[in-house]
Amino acid sequence: MSGYISSFVCNSLTLPYPIFASFKAIESPDKNDDIQWLTFWIVWACAVLIESLTDLFIFWIPLYFEAKLCFFLLLQMPVLNLSGKIYQLYIKPYLIQKRLYLDTIFYNLISWIMRLPFMLIKSD
């Protein structure tokens, strides 16, 4: 597979179940399933971010989209808890280390975005 079709197929096969499972988790009184699916979405978002930054290079790897499909299918299986393991081993330590820095960046970015309409009005 390649290109837009591969991306569409991969997303079509890997996103519906996590979306529905996340909905069910939000609606259930059990908070453990909330943590499981929030963790999944954090890992998924990190993987998509990394993919978008490296797309020009990884696109050419043979069977990349098939591997991506398998990875995302494995990531969402509660029995394996792969997303929890990836989060605990890699993402959580990085975010803890960079927390203050990221808080500052996002606070400044949000502040700038909130001021943007007023800056545009003044410039007219």
PDB file of N, CA and C in Angstrom:
ATOM      1  N   MET A   1       0.839  -1.189   0.000  1.00  0.00           N
ATOM      2  CA  MET A   1       0.000   0.000   0.000  1.00  0.00           C
ATOM      3  C   MET A   1       0.874   1.238   0.000  1.00  0.00           C
ATOM      4  N   SER A   2       0.286   2.346  -0.468  1.00  0.00           N
ATOM      5  CA  SER A   2       1.069   3.570  -0.439  1.00  0.00           C
ATOM      6  C   SER A   2       0.150   4.777  -0.431  1.00  0.00           C
ATOM      7  N   GLY A   3       0.704   5.900   0.010  1.00  0.00           N
ATOM      8  CA  GLY A   3       0.042   7.185  -0.079  1.00  0.00           C
ATOM      9  C   GLY A   3      -1.219   7.330   0.736  1.00  0.00           C
ATOM     10  N   TYR A   4      -2.137   8.117   0.172  1.00  0.00           N
ATOM     11  CA  TYR A   4      -3.367   8.464   0.880  1.00  0.00           C
ATOM     12  C   TYR A   4      -4.243   7.251   1.152  1.00  0.00           C
ATOM     13  N   ILE A   5      -4.240   6.299   0.243  1.00  0.00           N
ATOM     14  CA  ILE A   5      -5.060   5.101   0.430  1.00  0.00           C
ATOM     15  C   ILE A   5      -4.588   4.334   1.652  1.00  0.00           C
ATOM     16  N   SER A   6      -3.288   4.181   1.804  1.00  0.00           N
ATOM     17  CA  SER A   6      -2.733   3.474   2.954  1.00  0.00           C
ATOM     18  C   SER A   6      -3.090   4.175   4.254  1.00  0.00           C
ATOM     19  N   SER A   7      -2.959   5.475   4.265  1.00  0.00           N
ATOM     20  CA  SER A   7      -3.281   6.251   5.456  1.00  0.00           C
ATOM     21  C   SER A   7      -4.764   6.110   5.793  1.00  0.00           C
ATOM     22  N   PHE A   8      -5.604   6.193   4.785  1.00  0.00           N
ATOM     23  CA  PHE A   8      -7.048   6.043   4.989  1.00  0.00           C
ATOM     24  C   PHE A   8      -7.389   4.660   5.522  1.00  0.00           C
ATOM     25  N   VAL A   9      -6.821   3.637   4.925  1.00  0.00           N
ATOM     26  CA  VAL A   9      -7.081   2.261   5.368  1.00  0.00           C
ATOM     27  C   VAL A   9      -6.593   2.062   6.795  1.00  0.00           C
ATOM     28  N   CYS A  10      -5.395   2.530   7.081  1.00  0.00           N
ATOM     29  CA  CYS A  10      -4.827   2.380   8.421  1.00  0.00           C
ATOM     30  C   CYS A  10      -5.710   3.071   9.463  1.00  0.00           C
ATOM     31  N   ASN A  11      -6.091   4.314   9.196  1.00  0.00           N
ATOM     32  CA  ASN A  11      -6.949   5.040  10.133  1.00  0.00           C
ATOM     33  C   ASN A  11      -8.331   4.412  10.255  1.00  0.00           C
ATOM     34  N   SER A  12      -8.880   3.950   9.135  1.00  0.00           N
ATOM     35  CA  SER A  12     -10.207   3.340   9.147  1.00  0.00           C
ATOM     36  C   SER A  12     -10.239   2.037   9.948  1.00  0.00           C
ATOM     37  N   LEU A  13      -9.132   1.326   9.950  1.00  0.00           N
ATOM     38  CA  LEU A  13      -9.080   0.060  10.675  1.00  0.00           C
ATOM     39  C   LEU A  13      -8.638   0.208  12.130  1.00  0.00           C
ATOM     40  N   THR A  14      -7.923   1.277  12.444  1.00  0.00           N
ATOM     41  CA  THR A  14      -7.360   1.379  13.791  1.00  0.00           C
ATOM     42  C   THR A  14      -8.041   2.399  14.699  1.00  0.00           C
ATOM     43  N   LEU A  15      -8.827   3.308  14.172  1.00  0.00           N
ATOM     44  CA  LEU A  15      -9.419   4.341  15.025  1.00  0.00           C
ATOM     45  C   LEU A  15     -10.833   4.077  15.535  1.00  0.00           C
ATOM     46  N   PRO A  16     -11.710   3.402  14.802  1.00  0.00           N
ATOM     47  CA  PRO A  16     -13.079   3.244  15.317  1.00  0.00           C
ATOM     48  C   PRO A  16     -13.171   2.560  16.690  1.00  0.00           C
ATOM     49  N   TYR A  17     -12.439   1.478  16.902  1.00  0.00           N
ATOM     50  CA  TYR A  17     -12.522   0.802  18.196  1.00  0.00           C
ATOM     51  C   TYR A  17     -12.034   1.675  19.355  1.00  0.00           C
ATOM     52  N   PRO A  18     -10.862   2.326  19.259  1.00  0.00           N
ATOM     53  CA  PRO A  18     -10.447   3.200  20.370  1.00  0.00           C
ATOM     54  C   PRO A  18     -11.416   4.352  20.628  1.00  0.00           C
ATOM     55  N   ILE A  19     -12.023   4.884  19.582  1.00  0.00           N
ATOM     56  CA  ILE A  19     -12.999   5.958  19.775  1.00  0.00           C
ATOM     57  C   ILE A  19     -14.192   5.435  20.576  1.00  0.00           C
ATOM     58  N   PHE A  20     -14.722   4.289  20.176  1.00  0.00           N
ATOM     59  CA  PHE A  20     -15.880   3.733  20.877  1.00  0.00           C
ATOM     60  C   PHE A  20     -15.509   3.279  22.291  1.00  0.00           C
ATOM     61  N   ALA A  21     -14.342   2.659  22.450  1.00  0.00           N
ATOM     62  CA  ALA A  21     -13.902   2.219  23.775  1.00  0.00           C
ATOM     63  C   ALA A  21     -13.670   3.421  24.696  1.00  0.00           C
ATOM     64  N   SER A  22     -13.174   4.523  24.153  1.00  0.00           N
ATOM     65  CA  SER A  22     -12.982   5.741  24.948  1.00  0.00           C
ATOM     66  C   SER A  22     -14.321   6.309  25.389  1.00  0.00           C
ATOM     67  N   PHE A  23     -15.286   6.292  24.499  1.00  0.00           N
ATOM     68  CA  PHE A  23     -16.643   6.725  24.850  1.00  0.00           C
ATOM     69  C   PHE A  23     -17.192   5.876  25.995  1.00  0.00           C
ATOM     70  N   LYS A  24     -17.057   4.556  25.864  1.00  0.00           N
ATOM     71  CA  LYS A  24     -17.552   3.671  26.921  1.00  0.00           C
ATOM     72  C   LYS A  24     -16.808   3.908  28.234  1.00  0.00           C
ATOM     73  N   ALA A  25     -15.511   4.163  28.156  1.00  0.00           N
ATOM     74  CA  ALA A  25     -14.717   4.410  29.363  1.00  0.00           C
ATOM     75  C   ALA A  25     -15.183   5.685  30.069  1.00  0.00           C
ATOM     76  N   ILE A  26     -15.457   6.723  29.306  1.00  0.00           N
ATOM     77  CA  ILE A  26     -15.933   7.977  29.898  1.00  0.00           C
ATOM     78  C   ILE A  26     -17.282   7.763  30.585  1.00  0.00           C
ATOM     79  N   GLU A  27     -18.116   6.957  29.991  1.00  0.00           N
ATOM     80  CA  GLU A  27     -19.456   6.734  30.527  1.00  0.00           C
ATOM     81  C   GLU A  27     -19.491   5.737  31.684  1.00  0.00           C
ATOM     82  N   SER A  28     -18.439   4.972  31.884  1.00  0.00           N
ATOM     83  CA  SER A  28     -18.429   3.982  32.973  1.00  0.00           C
ATOM     84  C   SER A  28     -17.940   4.630  34.266  1.00  0.00           C
ATOM     85  N   PRO A  29     -18.349   4.083  35.408  1.00  0.00           N
ATOM     86  CA  PRO A  29     -17.877   4.634  36.689  1.00  0.00           C
ATOM     87  C   PRO A  29     -16.424   4.249  37.013  1.00  0.00           C
ATOM     88  N   ASP A  30     -15.897   3.236  36.329  1.00  0.00           N
ATOM     89  CA  ASP A  30     -14.526   2.760  36.571  1.00  0.00           C
ATOM     90  C   ASP A  30     -13.519   3.726  35.971  1.00  0.00           C
ATOM     91  N   LYS A  31     -12.582   4.205  36.770  1.00  0.00           N
ATOM     92  CA  LYS A  31     -11.575   5.159  36.288  1.00  0.00           C
ATOM     93  C   LYS A  31     -10.361   4.473  35.655  1.00  0.00           C
ATOM     94  N   ASN A  32     -10.185   3.174  35.888  1.00  0.00           N
ATOM     95  CA  ASN A  32      -9.049   2.463  35.296  1.00  0.00           C
ATOM     96  C   ASN A  32      -9.124   2.443  33.777  1.00  0.00           C
ATOM     97  N   ASP A  33     -10.329   2.269  33.247  1.00  0.00           N
ATOM     98  CA  ASP A  33     -10.447   2.271  31.783  1.00  0.00           C
ATOM     99  C   ASP A  33     -10.228   3.669  31.213  1.00  0.00           C
ATOM    100  N   ASP A  34     -10.532   4.708  31.984  1.00  0.00           N
ATOM    101  CA  ASP A  34     -10.223   6.073  31.537  1.00  0.00           C
ATOM    102  C   ASP A  34      -8.713   6.240  31.368  1.00  0.00           C
ATOM    103  N   ILE A  35      -7.964   5.775  32.364  1.00  0.00           N
ATOM    104  CA  ILE A  35      -6.509   5.873  32.320  1.00  0.00           C
ATOM    105  C   ILE A  35      -5.959   5.080  31.133  1.00  0.00           C
ATOM    106  N   GLN A  36      -6.507   3.888  30.925  1.00  0.00           N
ATOM    107  CA  GLN A  36      -6.045   3.048  29.815  1.00  0.00           C
ATOM    108  C   GLN A  36      -6.216   3.764  28.479  1.00  0.00           C
ATOM    109  N   TRP A  37      -7.379   4.366  28.250  1.00  0.00           N
ATOM    110  CA  TRP A  37      -7.630   4.989  26.948  1.00  0.00           C
ATOM    111  C   TRP A  37      -6.990   6.355  26.823  1.00  0.00           C
ATOM    112  N   LEU A  38      -6.835   7.092  27.915  1.00  0.00           N
ATOM    113  CA  LEU A  38      -6.059   8.342  27.848  1.00  0.00           C
ATOM    114  C   LEU A  38      -4.605   8.030  27.507  1.00  0.00           C
ATOM    115  N   THR A  39      -4.078   6.977  28.099  1.00  0.00           N
ATOM    116  CA  THR A  39      -2.713   6.550  27.800  1.00  0.00           C
ATOM    117  C   THR A  39      -2.583   6.162  26.333  1.00  0.00           C
ATOM    118  N   PHE A  40      -3.559   5.420  25.828  1.00  0.00           N
ATOM    119  CA  PHE A  40      -3.547   5.051  24.413  1.00  0.00           C
ATOM    120  C   PHE A  40      -3.477   6.300  23.536  1.00  0.00           C
ATOM    121  N   TRP A  41      -4.325   7.299  23.814  1.00  0.00           N
ATOM    122  CA  TRP A  41      -4.381   8.488  22.968  1.00  0.00           C
ATOM    123  C   TRP A  41      -3.103   9.303  23.064  1.00  0.00           C
ATOM    124  N   ILE A  42      -2.463   9.322  24.230  1.00  0.00           N
ATOM    125  CA  ILE A  42      -1.180  10.020  24.358  1.00  0.00           C
ATOM    126  C   ILE A  42      -0.130   9.337  23.489  1.00  0.00           C
ATOM    127  N   VAL A  43      -0.057   8.015  23.566  1.00  0.00           N
ATOM    128  CA  VAL A  43       0.922   7.268  22.763  1.00  0.00           C
ATOM    129  C   VAL A  43       0.594   7.407  21.276  1.00  0.00           C
ATOM    130  N   TRP A  44      -0.677   7.310  20.932  1.00  0.00           N
ATOM    131  CA  TRP A  44      -1.099   7.457  19.537  1.00  0.00           C
ATOM    132  C   TRP A  44      -0.708   8.834  19.008  1.00  0.00           C
ATOM    133  N   ALA A  45      -0.983   9.891  19.793  1.00  0.00           N
ATOM    134  CA  ALA A  45      -0.653  11.249  19.360  1.00  0.00           C
ATOM    135  C   ALA A  45       0.854  11.425  19.195  1.00  0.00           C
ATOM    136  N   CYS A  46       1.639  10.858  20.100  1.00  0.00           N
ATOM    137  CA  CYS A  46       3.101  10.943  19.970  1.00  0.00           C
ATOM    138  C   CYS A  46       3.572  10.226  18.712  1.00  0.00           C
ATOM    139  N   ALA A  47       2.996   9.061  18.436  1.00  0.00           N
ATOM    140  CA  ALA A  47       3.381   8.310  17.237  1.00  0.00           C
ATOM    141  C   ALA A  47       3.023   9.092  15.974  1.00  0.00           C
ATOM    142  N   VAL A  48       1.849   9.701  15.952  1.00  0.00           N
ATOM    143  CA  VAL A  48       1.429  10.491  14.789  1.00  0.00           C
ATOM    144  C   VAL A  48       2.313  11.725  14.639  1.00  0.00           C
ATOM    145  N   LEU A  49       2.683  12.365  15.750  1.00  0.00           N
ATOM    146  CA  LEU A  49       3.571  13.522  15.697  1.00  0.00           C
ATOM    147  C   LEU A  49       4.944  13.133  15.143  1.00  0.00           C
ATOM    148  N   ILE A  50       5.492  12.037  15.648  1.00  0.00           N
ATOM    149  CA  ILE A  50       6.782  11.558  15.147  1.00  0.00           C
ATOM    150  C   ILE A  50       6.680  11.209  13.664  1.00  0.00           C
ATOM    151  N   GLU A  51       5.590  10.556  13.297  1.00  0.00           N
ATOM    152  CA  GLU A  51       5.402  10.206  11.889  1.00  0.00           C
ATOM    153  C   GLU A  51       5.333  11.446  11.005  1.00  0.00           C
ATOM    154  N   SER A  52       4.638  12.473  11.462  1.00  0.00           N
ATOM    155  CA  SER A  52       4.521  13.680  10.642  1.00  0.00           C
ATOM    156  C   SER A  52       5.867  14.388  10.483  1.00  0.00           C
ATOM    157  N   LEU A  53       6.731  14.274  11.483  1.00  0.00           N
ATOM    158  CA  LEU A  53       8.049  14.901  11.409  1.00  0.00           C
ATOM    159  C   LEU A  53       9.033  14.104  10.549  1.00  0.00           C
ATOM    160  N   THR A  54       8.786  12.814  10.412  1.00  0.00           N
ATOM    161  CA  THR A  54       9.711  11.947   9.684  1.00  0.00           C
ATOM    162  C   THR A  54       9.090  11.357   8.412  1.00  0.00           C
ATOM    163  N   ASP A  55       7.950  11.867   8.017  1.00  0.00           N
ATOM    164  CA  ASP A  55       7.179  11.287   6.915  1.00  0.00           C
ATOM    165  C   ASP A  55       7.966  11.176   5.613  1.00  0.00           C
ATOM    166  N   LEU A  56       8.779  12.151   5.303  1.00  0.00           N
ATOM    167  CA  LEU A  56       9.533  12.109   4.047  1.00  0.00           C
ATOM    168  C   LEU A  56      10.497  10.933   3.985  1.00  0.00           C
ATOM    169  N   PHE A  57      10.973  10.492   5.142  1.00  0.00           N
ATOM    170  CA  PHE A  57      11.951   9.402   5.186  1.00  0.00           C
ATOM    171  C   PHE A  57      11.300   8.034   5.366  1.00  0.00           C
ATOM    172  N   ILE A  58      10.325   7.943   6.281  1.00  0.00           N
ATOM    173  CA  ILE A  58       9.749   6.625   6.575  1.00  0.00           C
ATOM    174  C   ILE A  58       8.741   6.172   5.527  1.00  0.00           C
ATOM    175  N   PHE A  59       8.228   7.100   4.738  1.00  0.00           N
ATOM    176  CA  PHE A  59       7.275   6.758   3.698  1.00  0.00           C
ATOM    177  C   PHE A  59       7.859   5.747   2.719  1.00  0.00           C
ATOM    178  N   TRP A  60       9.169   5.789   2.513  1.00  0.00           N
ATOM    179  CA  TRP A  60       9.828   4.937   1.519  1.00  0.00           C
ATOM    180  C   TRP A  60      10.202   3.566   2.055  1.00  0.00           C
ATOM    181  N   ILE A  61      10.068   3.334   3.337  1.00  0.00           N
ATOM    182  CA  ILE A  61      10.410   2.037   3.914  1.00  0.00           C
ATOM    183  C   ILE A  61       9.393   0.995   3.442  1.00  0.00           C
ATOM    184  N   PRO A  62       9.852  -0.106   2.869  1.00  0.00           N
ATOM    185  CA  PRO A  62       8.922  -1.142   2.408  1.00  0.00           C
ATOM    186  C   PRO A  62       8.055  -1.665   3.556  1.00  0.00           C
ATOM    187  N   LEU A  63       6.795  -1.844   3.272  1.00  0.00           N
ATOM    188  CA  LEU A  63       5.798  -2.351   4.214  1.00  0.00           C
ATOM    189  C   LEU A  63       5.615  -1.452   5.439  1.00  0.00           C
ATOM    190  N   TYR A  64       5.954  -0.165   5.304  1.00  0.00           N
ATOM    191  CA  TYR A  64       5.811   0.753   6.435  1.00  0.00           C
ATOM    192  C   TYR A  64       4.366   0.831   6.903  1.00  0.00           C
ATOM    193  N   PHE A  65       3.433   1.036   5.980  1.00  0.00           N
ATOM    194  CA  PHE A  65       2.039   1.189   6.382  1.00  0.00           C
ATOM    195  C   PHE A  65       1.469  -0.089   6.989  1.00  0.00           C
ATOM    196  N   GLU A  66       1.923  -1.227   6.518  1.00  0.00           N
ATOM    197  CA  GLU A  66       1.485  -2.492   7.099  1.00  0.00           C
ATOM    198  C   GLU A  66       2.015  -2.630   8.530  1.00  0.00           C
ATOM    199  N   ALA A  67       3.268  -2.229   8.744  1.00  0.00           N
ATOM    200  CA  ALA A  67       3.846  -2.259  10.091  1.00  0.00           C
ATOM    201  C   ALA A  67       3.120  -1.272  11.003  1.00  0.00           C
ATOM    202  N   LYS A  68       2.805  -0.106  10.466  1.00  0.00           N
ATOM    203  CA  LYS A  68       2.073   0.903  11.234  1.00  0.00           C
ATOM    204  C   LYS A  68       0.696   0.368  11.629  1.00  0.00           C
ATOM    205  N   LEU A  69       0.027  -0.275  10.700  1.00  0.00           N
ATOM    206  CA  LEU A  69      -1.280  -0.867  10.970  1.00  0.00           C
ATOM    207  C   LEU A  69      -1.184  -1.888  12.101  1.00  0.00           C
ATOM    208  N   CYS A  70      -0.215  -2.765  12.022  1.00  0.00           N
ATOM    209  CA  CYS A  70      -0.017  -3.781  13.072  1.00  0.00           C
ATOM    210  C   CYS A  70       0.303  -3.118  14.417  1.00  0.00           C
ATOM    211  N   PHE A  71       1.164  -2.108  14.398  1.00  0.00           N
ATOM    212  CA  PHE A  71       1.528  -1.409  15.634  1.00  0.00           C
ATOM    213  C   PHE A  71       0.306  -0.792  16.291  1.00  0.00           C
ATOM    214  N   PHE A  72      -0.512  -0.078  15.512  1.00  0.00           N
ATOM    215  CA  PHE A  72      -1.684   0.566  16.094  1.00  0.00           C
ATOM    216  C   PHE A  72      -2.736  -0.444  16.542  1.00  0.00           C
ATOM    217  N   LEU A  73      -2.839  -1.565  15.854  1.00  0.00           N
ATOM    218  CA  LEU A  73      -3.768  -2.609  16.310  1.00  0.00           C
ATOM    219  C   LEU A  73      -3.288  -3.225  17.623  1.00  0.00           C
ATOM    220  N   LEU A  74      -1.991  -3.477  17.727  1.00  0.00           N
ATOM    221  CA  LEU A  74      -1.435  -4.011  18.968  1.00  0.00           C
ATOM    222  C   LEU A  74      -1.527  -2.998  20.106  1.00  0.00           C
ATOM    223  N   LEU A  75      -1.362  -1.736  19.780  1.00  0.00           N
ATOM    224  CA  LEU A  75      -1.389  -0.665  20.770  1.00  0.00           C
ATOM    225  C   LEU A  75      -2.735  -0.573  21.482  1.00  0.00           C
ATOM    226  N   GLN A  76      -3.801  -0.898  20.787  1.00  0.00           N
ATOM    227  CA  GLN A  76      -5.132  -0.744  21.369  1.00  0.00           C
ATOM    228  C   GLN A  76      -5.655  -1.992  22.078  1.00  0.00           C
ATOM    229  N   MET A  77      -4.875  -3.056  22.089  1.00  0.00           N
ATOM    230  CA  MET A  77      -5.325  -4.292  22.746  1.00  0.00           C
ATOM    231  C   MET A  77      -5.094  -4.201  24.256  1.00  0.00           C
ATOM    232  N   PRO A  78      -6.179  -4.146  25.046  1.00  0.00           N
ATOM    233  CA  PRO A  78      -6.029  -4.010  26.494  1.00  0.00           C
ATOM    234  C   PRO A  78      -5.224  -5.142  27.141  1.00  0.00           C
ATOM    235  N   VAL A  79      -5.297  -6.327  26.585  1.00  0.00           N
ATOM    236  CA  VAL A  79      -4.583  -7.467  27.159  1.00  0.00           C
ATOM    237  C   VAL A  79      -3.073  -7.251  27.132  1.00  0.00           C
ATOM    238  N   LEU A  80      -2.563  -6.657  26.082  1.00  0.00           N
ATOM    239  CA  LEU A  80      -1.126  -6.423  25.943  1.00  0.00           C
ATOM    240  C   LEU A  80      -0.646  -5.217  26.747  1.00  0.00           C
ATOM    241  N   ASN A  81      -1.508  -4.220  26.901  1.00  0.00           N
ATOM    242  CA  ASN A  81      -1.155  -2.966  27.580  1.00  0.00           C
ATOM    243  C   ASN A  81       0.122  -2.351  26.999  1.00  0.00           C
ATOM    244  N   LEU A  82       0.289  -2.459  25.695  1.00  0.00           N
ATOM    245  CA  LEU A  82       1.465  -1.917  25.023  1.00  0.00           C
ATOM    246  C   LEU A  82       1.532  -0.399  25.163  1.00  0.00           C
ATOM    247  N   SER A  83       0.387   0.261  25.061  1.00  0.00           N
ATOM    248  CA  SER A  83       0.390   1.720  25.203  1.00  0.00           C
ATOM    249  C   SER A  83       0.821   2.119  26.616  1.00  0.00           C
ATOM    250  N   GLY A  84       0.397   1.374  27.620  1.00  0.00           N
ATOM    251  CA  GLY A  84       0.815   1.651  28.997  1.00  0.00           C
ATOM    252  C   GLY A  84       2.308   1.468  29.185  1.00  0.00           C
ATOM    253  N   LYS A  85       2.857   0.445  28.565  1.00  0.00           N
ATOM    254  CA  LYS A  85       4.301   0.186  28.677  1.00  0.00           C
ATOM    255  C   LYS A  85       5.115   1.275  27.975  1.00  0.00           C
ATOM    256  N   ILE A  86       4.691   1.652  26.782  1.00  0.00           N
ATOM    257  CA  ILE A  86       5.393   2.700  26.046  1.00  0.00           C
ATOM    258  C   ILE A  86       5.311   4.018  26.810  1.00  0.00           C
ATOM    259  N   TYR A  87       4.133   4.302  27.343  1.00  0.00           N
ATOM    260  CA  TYR A  87       3.959   5.533  28.117  1.00  0.00           C
ATOM    261  C   TYR A  87       4.875   5.553  29.341  1.00  0.00           C
ATOM    262  N   GLN A  88       4.877   4.471  30.106  1.00  0.00           N
ATOM    263  CA  GLN A  88       5.679   4.413  31.340  1.00  0.00           C
ATOM    264  C   GLN A  88       7.180   4.457  31.053  1.00  0.00           C
ATOM    265  N   LEU A  89       7.616   3.767  30.006  1.00  0.00           N
ATOM    266  CA  LEU A  89       9.047   3.679  29.714  1.00  0.00           C
ATOM    267  C   LEU A  89       9.632   4.901  29.021  1.00  0.00           C
ATOM    268  N   TYR A  90       8.861   5.528  28.129  1.00  0.00           N
ATOM    269  CA  TYR A  90       9.434   6.570  27.285  1.00  0.00           C
ATOM    270  C   TYR A  90       8.766   7.939  27.442  1.00  0.00           C
ATOM    271  N   ILE A  91       7.463   7.974  27.348  1.00  0.00           N
ATOM    272  CA  ILE A  91       6.771   9.259  27.283  1.00  0.00           C
ATOM    273  C   ILE A  91       6.701   9.945  28.648  1.00  0.00           C
ATOM    274  N   LYS A  92       6.288   9.221  29.662  1.00  0.00           N
ATOM    275  CA  LYS A  92       6.159   9.814  30.999  1.00  0.00           C
ATOM    276  C   LYS A  92       7.482  10.387  31.509  1.00  0.00           C
ATOM    277  N   PRO A  93       8.600   9.630  31.454  1.00  0.00           N
ATOM    278  CA  PRO A  93       9.857  10.222  31.926  1.00  0.00           C
ATOM    279  C   PRO A  93      10.252  11.483  31.153  1.00  0.00           C
ATOM    280  N   TYR A  94      10.028  11.484  29.843  1.00  0.00           N
ATOM    281  CA  TYR A  94      10.360  12.657  29.036  1.00  0.00           C
ATOM    282  C   TYR A  94       9.494  13.850  29.432  1.00  0.00           C
ATOM    283  N   LEU A  95       8.182  13.621  29.576  1.00  0.00           N
ATOM    284  CA  LEU A  95       7.285  14.724  29.924  1.00  0.00           C
ATOM    285  C   LEU A  95       7.535  15.245  31.334  1.00  0.00           C
ATOM    286  N   ILE A  96       7.886  14.354  32.248  1.00  0.00           N
ATOM    287  CA  ILE A  96       8.218  14.803  33.606  1.00  0.00           C
ATOM    288  C   ILE A  96       9.461  15.686  33.565  1.00  0.00           C
ATOM    289  N   GLN A  97      10.443  15.275  32.816  1.00  0.00           N
ATOM    290  CA  GLN A  97      11.690  16.039  32.699  1.00  0.00           C
ATOM    291  C   GLN A  97      11.456  17.412  32.059  1.00  0.00           C
ATOM    292  N   LYS A  98      10.578  17.484  31.068  1.00  0.00           N
ATOM    293  CA  LYS A  98      10.351  18.714  30.300  1.00  0.00           C
ATOM    294  C   LYS A  98       9.091  19.470  30.729  1.00  0.00           C
ATOM    295  N   ARG A  99       8.468  19.070  31.813  1.00  0.00           N
ATOM    296  CA  ARG A  99       7.166  19.621  32.202  1.00  0.00           C
ATOM    297  C   ARG A  99       7.170  21.141  32.343  1.00  0.00           C
ATOM    298  N   LEU A 100       8.090  21.700  33.101  1.00  0.00           N
ATOM    299  CA  LEU A 100       8.139  23.143  33.317  1.00  0.00           C
ATOM    300  C   LEU A 100       8.377  23.890  32.004  1.00  0.00           C
ATOM    301  N   TYR A 101       9.276  23.379  31.200  1.00  0.00           N
ATOM    302  CA  TYR A 101       9.577  23.974  29.898  1.00  0.00           C
ATOM    303  C   TYR A 101       8.333  23.962  29.002  1.00  0.00           C
ATOM    304  N   LEU A 102       7.660  22.816  28.929  1.00  0.00           N
ATOM    305  CA  LEU A 102       6.466  22.700  28.091  1.00  0.00           C
ATOM    306  C   LEU A 102       5.323  23.562  28.621  1.00  0.00           C
ATOM    307  N   ASP A 103       5.161  23.624  29.945  1.00  0.00           N
ATOM    308  CA  ASP A 103       4.143  24.503  30.530  1.00  0.00           C
ATOM    309  C   ASP A 103       4.360  25.943  30.090  1.00  0.00           C
ATOM    310  N   THR A 104       5.600  26.387  30.127  1.00  0.00           N
ATOM    311  CA  THR A 104       5.931  27.756  29.729  1.00  0.00           C
ATOM    312  C   THR A 104       5.643  27.986  28.252  1.00  0.00           C
ATOM    313  N   ILE A 105       6.058  27.053  27.419  1.00  0.00           N
ATOM    314  CA  ILE A 105       5.812  27.183  25.974  1.00  0.00           C
ATOM    315  C   ILE A 105       4.320  27.247  25.681  1.00  0.00           C
ATOM    316  N   PHE A 106       3.552  26.328  26.244  1.00  0.00           N
ATOM    317  CA  PHE A 106       2.119  26.295  25.947  1.00  0.00           C
ATOM    318  C   PHE A 106       1.382  27.484  26.547  1.00  0.00           C
ATOM    319  N   TYR A 107       1.799  27.946  27.718  1.00  0.00           N
ATOM    320  CA  TYR A 107       1.195  29.135  28.313  1.00  0.00           C
ATOM    321  C   TYR A 107       1.440  30.346  27.412  1.00  0.00           C
ATOM    322  N   ASN A 108       2.666  30.512  26.952  1.00  0.00           N
ATOM    323  CA  ASN A 108       2.990  31.636  26.061  1.00  0.00           C
ATOM    324  C   ASN A 108       2.250  31.530  24.732  1.00  0.00           C
ATOM    325  N   LEU A 109       2.167  30.332  24.197  1.00  0.00           N
ATOM    326  CA  LEU A 109       1.467  30.132  22.928  1.00  0.00           C
ATOM    327  C   LEU A 109      -0.021  30.458  23.071  1.00  0.00           C
ATOM    328  N   ILE A 110      -0.642  29.961  24.114  1.00  0.00           N
ATOM    329  CA  ILE A 110      -2.073  30.231  24.331  1.00  0.00           C
ATOM    330  C   ILE A 110      -2.300  31.719  24.573  1.00  0.00           C
ATOM    331  N   SER A 111      -1.427  32.353  25.345  1.00  0.00           N
ATOM    332  CA  SER A 111      -1.542  33.796  25.579  1.00  0.00           C
ATOM    333  C   SER A 111      -1.447  34.573  24.274  1.00  0.00           C
ATOM    334  N   TRP A 112      -0.508  34.198  23.412  1.00  0.00           N
ATOM    335  CA  TRP A 112      -0.346  34.852  22.125  1.00  0.00           C
ATOM    336  C   TRP A 112      -1.590  34.649  21.254  1.00  0.00           C
ATOM    337  N   ILE A 113      -2.117  33.436  21.239  1.00  0.00           N
ATOM    338  CA  ILE A 113      -3.313  33.142  20.438  1.00  0.00           C
ATOM    339  C   ILE A 113      -4.506  33.951  20.948  1.00  0.00           C
ATOM    340  N   MET A 114      -4.625  34.100  22.260  1.00  0.00           N
ATOM    341  CA  MET A 114      -5.730  34.874  22.831  1.00  0.00           C
ATOM    342  C   MET A 114      -5.608  36.368  22.496  1.00  0.00           C
ATOM    343  N   ARG A 115      -4.384  36.869  22.369  1.00  0.00           N
ATOM    344  CA  ARG A 115      -4.166  38.278  22.030  1.00  0.00           C
ATOM    345  C   ARG A 115      -4.228  38.544  20.525  1.00  0.00           C
ATOM    346  N   LEU A 116      -4.098  37.517  19.736  1.00  0.00           N
ATOM    347  CA  LEU A 116      -4.010  37.672  18.283  1.00  0.00           C
ATOM    348  C   LEU A 116      -5.175  38.460  17.677  1.00  0.00           C
ATOM    349  N   PRO A 117      -6.426  38.165  18.003  1.00  0.00           N
ATOM    350  CA  PRO A 117      -7.516  38.959  17.395  1.00  0.00           C
ATOM    351  C   PRO A 117      -7.402  40.452  17.703  1.00  0.00           C
ATOM    352  N   PHE A 118      -6.988  40.796  18.916  1.00  0.00           N
ATOM    353  CA  PHE A 118      -6.847  42.204  19.282  1.00  0.00           C
ATOM    354  C   PHE A 118      -5.678  42.854  18.535  1.00  0.00           C
ATOM    355  N   MET A 119      -4.614  42.089  18.336  1.00  0.00           N
ATOM    356  CA  MET A 119      -3.482  42.620  17.570  1.00  0.00           C
ATOM    357  C   MET A 119      -3.870  42.849  16.116  1.00  0.00           C
ATOM    358  N   LEU A 120      -4.682  41.973  15.557  1.00  0.00           N
ATOM    359  CA  LEU A 120      -5.123  42.126  14.178  1.00  0.00           C
ATOM    360  C   LEU A 120      -6.057  43.319  14.012  1.00  0.00           C
ATOM    361  N   ILE A 121      -6.912  43.539  15.016  1.00  0.00           N
ATOM    362  CA  ILE A 121      -7.824  44.672  14.967  1.00  0.00           C
ATOM    363  C   ILE A 121      -7.045  45.982  15.046  1.00  0.00           C
ATOM    364  N   LYS A 122      -6.049  46.032  15.928  1.00  0.00           N
ATOM    365  CA  LYS A 122      -5.241  47.251  16.091  1.00  0.00           C
ATOM    366  C   LYS A 122      -4.429  47.567  14.839  1.00  0.00           C
ATOM    367  N   SER A 123      -4.022  46.534  14.099  1.00  0.00           N
ATOM    368  CA  SER A 123      -3.163  46.765  12.936  1.00  0.00           C
ATOM    369  C   SER A 123      -3.925  47.351  11.749  1.00  0.00           C
ATOM    370  N   ASP A 124      -5.247  47.311  11.809  1.00  0.00           N
ATOM    371  CA  ASP A 124      -6.045  47.869  10.694  1.00  0.00           C
ATOM    372  C   ASP A 124      -6.115  49.339  10.722  1.00  0.00           C
TER     373      ASP A 124
END
